[in-house]
Amino acid sequence: MASVLSQLMGQWMDVQGFLIFLCVLLLVKHLRDLQSKNMPPGPFPLPVIGNIINIGFSDPLGSFQRIAERYGDVSTLYLGSKPCILLTGYDTFKEAFVEQADIFTDRPYFPIVDKLSKGKGLVMSSGHMWRHQRRFALATLKYFGVGKKTLETSILQECHFLCDSVVTEQGLPFDPQRLVTNAVANIISGLVFGHRFEYDDHQFHLMQKYLDDILQLPISNCGRLYNEFPTLMSLLPGTHQTAFASMSKLKPFMQEEFRKHKEERDPSNPRDYIDCYLDQIEKCKDSEAEFTEENLMHCVVDLFGAGTETTSNTLRWALLYMVKYPDVQEKVQFEIDQVIGQTRQPLMDDRTNLPYTYAVIHEIQRFANIVTFTPPRVANKDTTVGGQHIPKGVIVLPMLKTILQDKNEYSTPNEFNPAHFLDENGMFLKRDTFIPFSIGKRMCPGEQLARMELFLFFMSLMQRFTFLPLEGQTLSLKGSMSVSSGPEPFQIHAVPR
């Protein structure tokens, strides 16, 4: 018996020794592979799982920031077995996305994006198709008034509807999310569909819910896991399945809008983006530009997603900050009363006469930092940024958070402080490094629209109401996890002035 046990122990030791030898061999190969890639510095990645331990699941955004602080503005981390380059810092952004704009315009491939949109639309498309789709979208939005007085009139009209809806709350506790989202969504709805929706429209709310499900997915844990293990995750339940179902449910809604437009449109007098796009489908013979109804649907989803969630989340942060910092709210209202009064609606031309209020709006965008990362890029050839080698085809993650919280640019980067945008004379101070919409050829195409909406909606609300916390309430400044981070649900009082 003893000899049998001794023999088994010997065999086990042989197996154990072989496994240890195999692990060492794999580790040596892993080290050689890392050295051969000549990547920027970063935390050491483990085989297969990469830097998943460094990033974690509880606070991935904070982990990215700590990695950047330790390893510099150009650093490497591994999402599973795939290397990614983390870009931070204004100078780094400018060198990559302005000075080398043509190298960094493409998007990388992600299984989750392929499942949702097959790489179509405005946000995640690349190459020839993206250039044509973006050029068309910019020209069409400009044609329908973006950046002009005609759109200002539409926004001011929606400000009336929003404020009237807030009045119906009668000063009782309410969550402003639904009303603010409805108002902002109606602006992009007018540009895309040619009409607005009533705030109690069931289909309108369903569309917003479907879009929210889709937008939350890419940065969620299920989205990250799907990108690593698409085949396995396609068989498992989770928020990814909810998002896929929402995309399927959104299609009939869009198709019905397209059908109505086809029946009612006059090619000589287009009413909205869909009319113009349908005309372009008939005119365009360039197959690579992909002016198709399928691409139209994904472009509309992108316009609604980018044009609604980011601005509505910023406005919700604005209300939360005004309640949290009542002294700031009081100063804003005092300036509005002095310059505009409480009867005339605010106009975009009032900005220059409202330096404190304009500074507050900028500080809301900076401090909320709703888009921590701009959508990822990929270099189309080997290059260098910040003195570091960027290989062709490697995913590049541009992180805005560190730029908007740069301690060398802002005196109190981790505090809400409108003085960051005021000079010694109390006049508005423009900062070149203030880039919440990013920079370069892939900066947000709706920047002008968003700036106009933020100013007019915020001014209208501050002019008409004082926002107060609930008695005994402690408001959290913790943000949600999404492509665009909004505050967690909260309730406030809106007292008419």
Protein backbone atom coordinates (compact mmCIF):
# COMPACT_ATOMS: atom_id res chain seq x y z
CA MET A 1 0.00 0.00 0.00
CA ALA A 2 2.79 2.39 0.94
CA SER A 3 4.54 1.72 -2.34
CA VAL A 4 1.33 2.51 -4.29
CA LEU A 5 0.90 5.79 -2.42
CA SER A 6 4.54 6.62 -3.00
CA GLN A 7 4.12 5.92 -6.70
CA LEU A 8 0.98 8.10 -6.90
CA MET A 9 2.72 10.91 -5.05
CA GLY A 10 5.61 10.70 -7.46
CA GLN A 11 3.26 10.89 -10.44
CA TRP A 12 1.46 13.85 -8.89
CA MET A 13 4.75 15.62 -8.31
CA ASP A 14 5.62 15.01 -11.94
CA VAL A 15 2.30 16.49 -13.08
CA GLN A 16 2.67 19.40 -10.68
CA GLY A 17 6.20 20.05 -11.90
CA PHE A 18 5.02 19.92 -15.51
CA LEU A 19 2.21 22.40 -14.78
CA ILE A 20 4.64 24.77 -13.05
CA PHE A 21 7.03 24.48 -15.98
CA LEU A 22 4.17 25.15 -18.41
CA CYS A 23 3.04 28.25 -16.46
CA VAL A 24 6.58 29.62 -16.37
CA LEU A 25 6.91 28.96 -20.10
CA LEU A 26 3.65 30.80 -20.81
CA LEU A 27 4.69 33.68 -18.57
CA VAL A 28 8.05 34.00 -20.36
CA LYS A 29 6.26 33.98 -23.72
CA HIS A 30 3.81 36.60 -22.38
CA LEU A 31 6.71 38.83 -21.29
CA ARG A 32 8.44 38.50 -24.66
CA ASP A 33 5.18 39.34 -26.47
CA LEU A 34 4.79 42.48 -24.34
CA GLN A 35 8.35 43.59 -25.04
CA SER A 36 8.02 43.00 -28.77
CA LYS A 37 4.95 45.25 -29.04
CA ASN A 38 6.85 48.35 -27.87
CA MET A 39 3.79 49.82 -26.15
CA PRO A 40 3.64 52.91 -23.89
CA PRO A 41 4.10 52.29 -20.14
CA GLY A 42 1.30 50.87 -18.03
CA PRO A 43 0.41 48.37 -15.30
CA PHE A 44 1.60 44.81 -15.87
CA PRO A 45 -1.15 42.73 -17.55
CA LEU A 46 -1.81 39.14 -16.56
CA PRO A 47 -2.18 36.53 -19.31
CA VAL A 48 -5.73 36.23 -20.71
CA ILE A 49 -7.40 38.65 -18.23
CA GLY A 50 -5.05 41.58 -18.80
CA ASN A 51 -5.55 44.49 -16.37
CA ILE A 52 -9.03 43.52 -15.24
CA ILE A 53 -7.77 43.43 -11.63
CA ASN A 54 -6.32 46.95 -11.95
CA ILE A 55 -9.57 48.27 -13.43
CA GLY A 56 -12.07 46.32 -11.35
CA PHE A 57 -15.85 46.54 -11.59
CA SER A 58 -16.82 48.86 -8.73
CA ASP A 59 -15.04 52.04 -9.92
CA PRO A 60 -13.60 51.55 -13.43
CA LEU A 61 -13.52 55.29 -14.22
CA GLY A 62 -11.55 56.06 -11.07
CA SER A 63 -9.17 53.22 -11.96
CA PHE A 64 -8.51 54.67 -15.40
CA GLN A 65 -7.72 58.05 -13.84
CA ARG A 66 -5.30 56.53 -11.33
CA ILE A 67 -3.52 54.65 -14.15
CA ALA A 68 -3.15 57.90 -16.10
CA GLU A 69 -1.81 59.74 -13.04
CA ARG A 70 0.81 57.07 -12.47
CA TYR A 71 1.96 56.30 -16.00
CA GLY A 72 1.44 59.62 -17.84
CA ASP A 73 -0.74 61.09 -20.59
CA VAL A 74 -0.05 58.15 -22.93
CA SER A 75 -0.29 54.80 -21.16
CA THR A 76 -1.22 51.21 -21.94
CA LEU A 77 -3.69 48.87 -20.31
CA TYR A 78 -5.05 45.54 -21.44
CA LEU A 79 -8.76 44.79 -21.66
CA GLY A 80 -8.47 41.03 -21.62
CA SER A 81 -5.80 40.12 -24.14
CA LYS A 82 -6.25 43.33 -26.18
CA PRO A 83 -3.95 46.30 -25.57
CA CYS A 84 -5.54 49.74 -25.31
CA ILE A 85 -3.82 53.11 -25.18
CA LEU A 86 -5.22 55.60 -22.69
CA LEU A 87 -4.85 59.24 -23.84
CA THR A 88 -5.21 62.05 -21.31
CA GLY A 89 -4.13 65.69 -21.14
CA TYR A 90 -5.00 68.62 -23.43
CA ASP A 91 -1.66 68.70 -25.25
CA THR A 92 -1.94 64.99 -25.98
CA PHE A 93 -5.49 65.41 -27.35
CA LYS A 94 -4.38 68.31 -29.53
CA GLU A 95 -1.38 66.42 -30.91
CA ALA A 96 -3.45 63.33 -31.72
CA PHE A 97 -6.85 64.66 -32.79
CA VAL A 98 -5.94 68.01 -34.35
CA GLU A 99 -2.38 67.75 -35.60
CA GLN A 100 -2.81 64.09 -36.65
CA ALA A 101 -6.54 64.20 -37.25
CA ASP A 102 -6.52 62.04 -40.38
CA ILE A 103 -4.72 59.23 -38.54
CA PHE A 104 -7.19 59.08 -35.63
CA THR A 105 -10.64 59.37 -37.26
CA ASP A 106 -11.55 55.67 -37.38
CA ARG A 107 -13.35 53.63 -34.73
CA PRO A 108 -12.18 50.20 -33.56
CA TYR A 109 -14.27 47.08 -33.96
CA PHE A 110 -16.34 46.01 -30.94
CA PRO A 111 -18.70 43.01 -30.95
CA ILE A 112 -21.27 45.01 -28.98
CA VAL A 113 -21.29 47.79 -31.60
CA ASP A 114 -21.48 45.27 -34.42
CA LYS A 115 -24.50 43.66 -32.75
CA LEU A 116 -26.30 46.97 -32.16
CA SER A 117 -25.54 48.90 -35.35
CA LYS A 118 -23.14 46.91 -37.57
CA GLY A 119 -20.82 49.93 -37.45
CA LYS A 120 -23.34 52.22 -39.17
CA GLY A 121 -24.67 55.61 -38.11
CA LEU A 122 -22.75 58.74 -37.12
CA VAL A 123 -20.95 57.84 -33.90
CA MET A 124 -19.30 54.44 -34.45
CA SER A 125 -18.89 54.39 -38.25
CA SER A 126 -15.52 54.92 -39.94
CA GLY A 127 -13.82 55.74 -43.20
CA HIS A 128 -15.57 56.86 -46.38
CA MET A 129 -19.06 56.15 -45.01
CA TRP A 130 -18.51 58.15 -41.83
CA ARG A 131 -17.14 61.19 -43.70
CA HIS A 132 -20.18 61.32 -46.00
CA GLN A 133 -22.70 60.71 -43.20
CA ARG A 134 -21.17 63.35 -40.94
CA ARG A 135 -20.87 65.93 -43.72
CA PHE A 136 -24.50 65.36 -44.66
CA ALA A 137 -25.69 65.58 -41.03
CA LEU A 138 -23.81 68.83 -40.35
CA ALA A 139 -25.10 70.45 -43.54
CA THR A 140 -28.68 69.33 -42.86
CA LEU A 141 -28.71 70.48 -39.23
CA LYS A 142 -27.33 73.84 -40.32
CA TYR A 143 -30.01 74.10 -43.02
CA PHE A 144 -32.70 73.62 -40.36
CA GLY A 145 -31.35 76.33 -38.12
CA VAL A 146 -28.65 74.95 -35.83
CA GLY A 147 -26.65 77.97 -34.76
CA LYS A 148 -29.27 80.38 -36.13
CA LYS A 149 -32.16 82.47 -34.81
CA THR A 150 -34.77 80.15 -36.30
CA LEU A 151 -33.80 77.33 -33.95
CA GLU A 152 -33.54 79.73 -31.02
CA THR A 153 -37.24 80.48 -31.49
CA SER A 154 -38.09 76.75 -31.35
CA ILE A 155 -36.05 76.26 -28.17
CA LEU A 156 -37.69 79.27 -26.51
CA GLN A 157 -41.10 77.81 -27.35
CA GLU A 158 -40.08 74.52 -25.72
CA CYS A 159 -38.84 76.50 -22.70
CA HIS A 160 -42.44 77.70 -22.28
CA PHE A 161 -43.75 74.11 -22.34
CA LEU A 162 -41.10 72.98 -19.86
CA CYS A 163 -41.73 75.81 -17.40
CA ASP A 164 -45.51 75.35 -17.64
CA SER A 165 -45.04 71.65 -16.81
CA VAL A 166 -42.88 72.52 -13.81
CA VAL A 167 -45.64 74.88 -12.58
CA THR A 168 -48.10 71.96 -12.57
CA GLU A 169 -45.91 70.28 -9.91
CA GLN A 170 -47.27 73.01 -7.56
CA GLY A 171 -44.08 73.26 -5.56
CA LEU A 172 -44.39 69.65 -4.39
CA PRO A 173 -41.43 67.24 -4.48
CA PHE A 174 -40.71 65.95 -7.99
CA ASP A 175 -37.94 64.33 -10.01
CA PRO A 176 -37.07 66.67 -12.92
CA GLN A 177 -35.66 63.89 -15.11
CA ARG A 178 -38.79 63.16 -17.16
CA LEU A 179 -39.68 66.79 -17.85
CA VAL A 180 -36.14 67.85 -18.74
CA THR A 181 -35.61 64.84 -21.01
CA ASN A 182 -38.94 65.48 -22.77
CA ALA A 183 -38.03 69.11 -23.44
CA VAL A 184 -34.56 68.37 -24.80
CA ALA A 185 -35.75 65.39 -26.84
CA ASN A 186 -38.39 67.59 -28.48
CA ILE A 187 -35.71 69.87 -29.92
CA ILE A 188 -33.94 67.06 -31.73
CA SER A 189 -37.36 65.58 -32.60
CA GLY A 190 -38.26 68.80 -34.41
CA LEU A 191 -35.04 68.65 -36.41
CA VAL A 192 -35.28 64.93 -37.21
CA PHE A 193 -39.03 64.16 -37.36
CA GLY A 194 -40.35 67.65 -38.11
CA HIS A 195 -42.63 67.73 -35.05
CA ARG A 196 -42.58 67.69 -31.26
CA PHE A 197 -44.32 65.26 -28.90
CA GLU A 198 -46.62 66.00 -26.01
CA TYR A 199 -44.98 65.25 -22.66
CA ASP A 200 -47.53 62.52 -21.89
CA ASP A 201 -47.12 60.74 -25.25
CA HIS A 202 -46.69 57.03 -24.51
CA GLN A 203 -44.75 56.28 -27.71
CA PHE A 204 -42.42 59.19 -26.94
CA HIS A 205 -41.61 57.72 -23.54
CA LEU A 206 -41.10 54.24 -24.96
CA MET A 207 -38.65 55.59 -27.55
CA GLN A 208 -36.69 57.34 -24.80
CA LYS A 209 -36.60 54.15 -22.72
CA TYR A 210 -35.32 52.07 -25.64
CA LEU A 211 -32.62 54.65 -26.39
CA ASP A 212 -31.59 54.72 -22.73
CA ASP A 213 -31.23 50.91 -22.67
CA ILE A 214 -29.01 51.05 -25.76
CA LEU A 215 -26.84 53.95 -24.59
CA GLN A 216 -26.11 52.42 -21.18
CA LEU A 217 -24.87 49.14 -22.60
CA PRO A 218 -21.37 49.85 -24.04
CA ILE A 219 -19.92 51.02 -20.73
CA SER A 220 -21.80 48.54 -18.51
CA ASN A 221 -20.25 45.37 -17.10
CA CYS A 222 -22.42 43.25 -19.43
CA GLY A 223 -21.26 45.32 -22.37
CA ARG A 224 -17.62 44.88 -21.43
CA LEU A 225 -18.06 41.14 -20.97
CA TYR A 226 -19.89 40.85 -24.29
CA ASN A 227 -16.93 42.47 -26.07
CA GLU A 228 -14.62 39.85 -24.57
CA PHE A 229 -16.88 36.78 -24.83
CA PRO A 230 -19.61 37.53 -27.42
CA THR A 231 -20.54 33.92 -28.12
CA LEU A 232 -20.90 33.03 -24.45
CA MET A 233 -22.69 36.26 -23.49
CA SER A 234 -25.18 35.87 -26.33
CA LEU A 235 -26.45 32.78 -24.49
CA LEU A 236 -26.65 34.42 -21.05
CA PRO A 237 -29.25 36.85 -19.63
CA GLY A 238 -28.33 40.42 -18.69
CA THR A 239 -28.70 44.07 -19.59
CA HIS A 240 -27.16 43.33 -22.99
CA GLN A 241 -30.20 41.23 -23.89
CA THR A 242 -32.47 44.09 -22.79
CA ALA A 243 -30.57 46.51 -25.03
CA PHE A 244 -30.72 44.15 -28.01
CA ALA A 245 -34.48 43.78 -27.51
CA SER A 246 -34.85 47.57 -27.23
CA MET A 247 -33.06 48.04 -30.55
CA SER A 248 -35.46 45.57 -32.16
CA LYS A 249 -38.46 47.39 -30.66
CA LEU A 250 -37.14 50.76 -31.85
CA LYS A 251 -37.01 49.68 -35.49
CA PRO A 252 -40.80 49.54 -36.12
CA PHE A 253 -41.17 53.01 -34.56
CA MET A 254 -38.54 54.43 -36.93
CA GLN A 255 -39.89 52.55 -39.94
CA GLU A 256 -43.36 54.01 -39.34
CA GLU A 257 -41.87 57.53 -39.29
CA PHE A 258 -40.04 56.80 -42.56
CA ARG A 259 -43.27 55.53 -44.14
CA LYS A 260 -45.17 58.69 -43.17
CA HIS A 261 -42.38 60.87 -44.52
CA LYS A 262 -42.35 59.05 -47.85
CA GLU A 263 -46.09 59.58 -48.24
CA GLU A 264 -46.12 63.25 -47.24
CA ARG A 265 -42.77 64.67 -48.30
CA ASP A 266 -42.23 67.25 -51.02
CA PRO A 267 -38.68 66.91 -52.45
CA SER A 268 -38.67 70.62 -53.28
CA ASN A 269 -39.52 71.58 -49.69
CA PRO A 270 -37.89 69.21 -47.13
CA ARG A 271 -39.23 69.56 -43.60
CA ASP A 272 -36.57 67.77 -41.55
CA TYR A 273 -33.54 65.49 -41.49
CA ILE A 274 -35.53 62.40 -42.55
CA ASP A 275 -36.95 64.18 -45.61
CA CYS A 276 -33.47 65.28 -46.66
CA TYR A 277 -32.01 61.81 -46.08
CA LEU A 278 -34.73 60.10 -48.13
CA ASP A 279 -33.95 62.51 -50.97
CA GLN A 280 -30.26 61.71 -50.59
CA ILE A 281 -30.97 57.97 -50.87
CA GLU A 282 -32.49 58.59 -54.30
CA LYS A 283 -29.70 60.92 -55.43
CA CYS A 284 -26.62 59.14 -54.09
CA LYS A 285 -25.08 56.48 -56.30
CA ASP A 286 -21.99 56.06 -54.10
CA SER A 287 -22.51 52.63 -52.54
CA GLU A 288 -19.66 53.10 -50.06
CA ALA A 289 -21.34 56.19 -48.59
CA GLU A 290 -24.26 53.87 -47.69
CA PHE A 291 -27.20 56.23 -47.85
CA THR A 292 -29.79 53.56 -47.06
CA GLU A 293 -32.85 53.32 -44.84
CA GLU A 294 -30.96 51.02 -42.48
CA ASN A 295 -28.22 53.60 -42.09
CA LEU A 296 -30.85 56.34 -41.70
CA MET A 297 -32.29 54.47 -38.73
CA HIS A 298 -28.88 54.25 -37.01
CA CYS A 299 -28.14 57.91 -37.79
CA VAL A 300 -31.46 58.92 -36.19
CA VAL A 301 -30.68 56.78 -33.13
CA ASP A 302 -27.28 58.49 -32.85
CA LEU A 303 -28.77 61.97 -33.27
CA PHE A 304 -31.36 61.28 -30.58
CA GLY A 305 -28.88 59.62 -28.27
CA ALA A 306 -26.20 62.29 -28.62
CA GLY A 307 -28.72 65.13 -28.83
CA THR A 308 -30.88 64.15 -25.89
CA GLU A 309 -29.02 62.29 -23.17
CA THR A 310 -25.96 64.53 -22.91
CA THR A 311 -27.89 67.81 -22.74
CA SER A 312 -30.67 66.52 -20.47
CA ASN A 313 -28.12 65.01 -18.08
CA THR A 314 -26.22 68.31 -17.98
CA LEU A 315 -29.41 70.20 -17.16
CA ARG A 316 -30.25 67.73 -14.41
CA TRP A 317 -26.78 68.27 -12.94
CA ALA A 318 -27.43 72.01 -13.23
CA LEU A 319 -30.58 71.78 -11.11
CA LEU A 320 -28.86 69.51 -8.60
CA TYR A 321 -25.94 71.93 -8.22
CA MET A 322 -28.27 74.93 -7.82
CA VAL A 323 -30.03 73.13 -4.97
CA LYS A 324 -26.74 71.98 -3.48
CA TYR A 325 -25.16 75.45 -3.77
CA PRO A 326 -28.00 77.94 -3.07
CA ASP A 327 -25.60 80.89 -2.92
CA VAL A 328 -24.69 80.25 -6.58
CA GLN A 329 -28.38 79.99 -7.53
CA GLU A 330 -29.06 83.29 -5.76
CA LYS A 331 -26.27 85.07 -7.63
CA VAL A 332 -27.49 83.71 -10.97
CA GLN A 333 -31.02 84.92 -10.29
CA PHE A 334 -29.79 88.33 -9.16
CA GLU A 335 -27.84 88.76 -12.40
CA ILE A 336 -30.82 87.64 -14.50
CA ASP A 337 -33.11 90.08 -12.67
CA GLN A 338 -30.65 92.93 -13.24
CA VAL A 339 -30.06 92.27 -16.94
CA ILE A 340 -33.27 90.66 -18.26
CA GLY A 341 -35.92 90.91 -15.56
CA GLN A 342 -38.62 88.31 -14.94
CA THR A 343 -40.91 88.96 -17.91
CA ARG A 344 -38.81 88.96 -21.09
CA GLN A 345 -37.49 85.60 -22.26
CA PRO A 346 -33.69 85.26 -22.33
CA LEU A 347 -31.93 85.30 -25.70
CA MET A 348 -28.56 83.99 -26.84
CA ASP A 349 -27.43 87.60 -27.33
CA ASP A 350 -27.72 88.09 -23.55
CA ARG A 351 -24.67 85.92 -22.89
CA THR A 352 -22.15 88.74 -22.98
CA ASN A 353 -24.13 90.67 -20.35
CA LEU A 354 -24.41 87.69 -18.01
CA PRO A 355 -20.79 86.77 -17.23
CA TYR A 356 -21.50 85.06 -13.89
CA THR A 357 -24.37 82.96 -15.24
CA TYR A 358 -22.35 82.01 -18.31
CA ALA A 359 -19.46 81.00 -16.03
CA VAL A 360 -21.84 78.87 -13.95
CA ILE A 361 -23.03 77.00 -17.05
CA HIS A 362 -19.42 76.27 -18.03
CA GLU A 363 -18.60 75.12 -14.51
CA ILE A 364 -21.62 72.80 -14.54
CA GLN A 365 -20.26 71.16 -17.69
CA ARG A 366 -16.74 70.96 -16.29
CA PHE A 367 -17.63 69.64 -12.86
CA ALA A 368 -20.31 67.20 -14.04
CA ASN A 369 -18.01 65.88 -16.78
CA ILE A 370 -20.83 63.76 -18.16
CA VAL A 371 -18.68 62.23 -20.94
CA THR A 372 -15.62 60.90 -19.14
CA PHE A 373 -14.43 59.17 -22.30
CA THR A 374 -15.06 60.22 -25.86
CA PRO A 375 -15.83 57.21 -28.12
CA PRO A 376 -12.64 55.18 -28.76
CA ARG A 377 -10.42 55.64 -31.81
CA VAL A 378 -7.89 53.54 -33.68
CA ALA A 379 -4.80 54.75 -35.54
CA ASN A 380 -4.79 53.86 -39.25
CA LYS A 381 -0.98 53.72 -39.26
CA ASP A 382 1.94 53.63 -36.82
CA THR A 383 2.59 57.03 -35.25
CA THR A 384 3.81 58.71 -32.05
CA VAL A 385 1.96 60.88 -29.53
CA GLY A 386 3.64 62.51 -26.56
CA GLY A 387 6.86 60.78 -27.57
CA GLN A 388 5.21 57.35 -27.22
CA HIS A 389 4.74 54.81 -30.00
CA ILE A 390 1.11 54.23 -31.08
CA PRO A 391 0.87 51.06 -33.21
CA LYS A 392 -1.59 50.83 -36.07
CA GLY A 393 -4.87 49.16 -35.15
CA VAL A 394 -4.56 49.46 -31.35
CA ILE A 395 -7.63 50.85 -29.54
CA VAL A 396 -7.17 54.41 -28.25
CA LEU A 397 -9.29 55.54 -25.28
CA PRO A 398 -9.46 59.38 -25.04
CA MET A 399 -10.24 60.43 -21.45
CA LEU A 400 -11.70 63.92 -20.98
CA LYS A 401 -12.01 63.79 -17.19
CA THR A 402 -8.35 64.53 -16.49
CA ILE A 403 -8.45 67.57 -18.81
CA LEU A 404 -11.51 69.08 -17.15
CA GLN A 405 -9.99 68.45 -13.71
CA ASP A 406 -6.46 69.58 -14.49
CA LYS A 407 -5.04 71.10 -11.29
CA ASN A 408 -2.69 73.27 -13.36
CA GLU A 409 -5.66 74.83 -15.15
CA TYR A 410 -8.28 75.01 -12.39
CA SER A 411 -7.49 76.27 -8.88
CA THR A 412 -9.96 73.89 -7.20
CA PRO A 413 -10.49 71.12 -9.77
CA ASN A 414 -12.46 68.82 -7.45
CA GLU A 415 -14.87 71.52 -6.26
CA PHE A 416 -17.81 73.29 -7.90
CA ASN A 417 -16.44 76.79 -8.39
CA PRO A 418 -17.79 79.20 -11.07
CA ALA A 419 -14.75 81.43 -10.46
CA HIS A 420 -12.82 79.02 -12.70
CA PHE A 421 -14.40 80.90 -15.62
CA LEU A 422 -14.18 84.47 -14.31
CA ASP A 423 -11.25 86.86 -14.50
CA GLU A 424 -10.14 89.27 -11.77
CA ASN A 425 -12.75 91.79 -12.97
CA GLY A 426 -15.63 89.32 -12.80
CA MET A 427 -15.86 88.99 -16.58
CA PHE A 428 -16.24 85.66 -18.35
CA LEU A 429 -12.91 83.90 -18.91
CA LYS A 430 -12.64 81.62 -21.93
CA ARG A 431 -10.32 78.62 -21.52
CA ASP A 432 -8.88 76.83 -24.53
CA THR A 433 -8.60 73.62 -22.53
CA PHE A 434 -12.34 73.58 -21.82
CA ILE A 435 -13.32 70.88 -24.35
CA PRO A 436 -16.39 68.99 -23.07
CA PHE A 437 -17.32 68.30 -26.72
CA SER A 438 -13.77 67.11 -27.52
CA ILE A 439 -11.72 68.56 -30.41
CA GLY A 440 -10.75 67.67 -33.96
CA LYS A 441 -12.66 66.12 -36.82
CA ARG A 442 -14.69 63.82 -34.58
CA MET A 443 -15.74 66.39 -32.01
CA CYS A 444 -19.46 66.37 -31.18
CA PRO A 445 -21.39 67.56 -34.27
CA GLY A 446 -24.15 68.93 -32.03
CA GLU A 447 -21.96 71.32 -30.03
CA GLN A 448 -23.70 74.49 -31.24
CA LEU A 449 -27.12 72.99 -30.60
CA ALA A 450 -26.15 71.80 -27.11
CA ARG A 451 -24.68 75.17 -26.13
CA MET A 452 -27.85 76.95 -27.22
CA GLU A 453 -30.11 74.51 -25.39
CA LEU A 454 -28.09 74.60 -22.17
CA PHE A 455 -28.11 78.39 -22.03
CA LEU A 456 -31.79 78.96 -22.88
CA PHE A 457 -33.24 76.10 -20.81
CA PHE A 458 -31.07 76.92 -17.78
CA MET A 459 -31.82 80.64 -17.99
CA SER A 460 -35.57 80.06 -18.36
CA LEU A 461 -35.69 77.76 -15.33
CA MET A 462 -33.61 80.11 -13.16
CA GLN A 463 -35.73 83.08 -14.23
CA ARG A 464 -39.02 81.41 -13.34
CA PHE A 465 -38.23 79.23 -10.30
CA THR A 466 -36.16 78.83 -7.17
CA PHE A 467 -35.16 75.19 -6.67
CA LEU A 468 -34.97 73.88 -3.11
CA PRO A 469 -34.08 70.57 -1.42
CA LEU A 470 -36.57 68.45 0.47
CA GLU A 471 -36.50 68.99 4.22
CA GLY A 472 -33.80 66.85 5.84
CA GLN A 473 -32.58 65.61 2.46
CA THR A 474 -28.90 65.07 1.69
CA LEU A 475 -28.41 65.22 -2.07
CA SER A 476 -25.84 62.87 -3.56
CA LEU A 477 -23.44 64.04 -6.25
CA LYS A 478 -22.76 60.48 -7.40
CA GLY A 479 -23.22 59.91 -11.12
CA SER A 480 -24.75 56.99 -13.00
CA MET A 481 -22.82 54.60 -15.21
CA SER A 482 -23.62 55.26 -18.85
CA VAL A 483 -22.09 56.66 -22.03
CA SER A 484 -23.27 59.99 -20.63
CA SER A 485 -23.25 60.11 -16.84
CA GLY A 486 -26.27 61.72 -15.21
CA PRO A 487 -26.98 62.20 -11.51
CA GLU A 488 -28.75 59.47 -9.61
CA PRO A 489 -32.53 60.06 -9.35
CA PHE A 490 -33.36 62.91 -6.98
CA GLN A 491 -36.37 64.99 -5.92
CA ILE A 492 -36.55 68.74 -5.39
CA HIS A 493 -39.05 71.57 -4.93
CA ALA A 494 -39.60 74.18 -7.69
CA VAL A 495 -41.02 77.36 -6.17
CA PRO A 496 -42.29 79.96 -8.68
CA ARG A 497 -40.55 83.31 -8.26
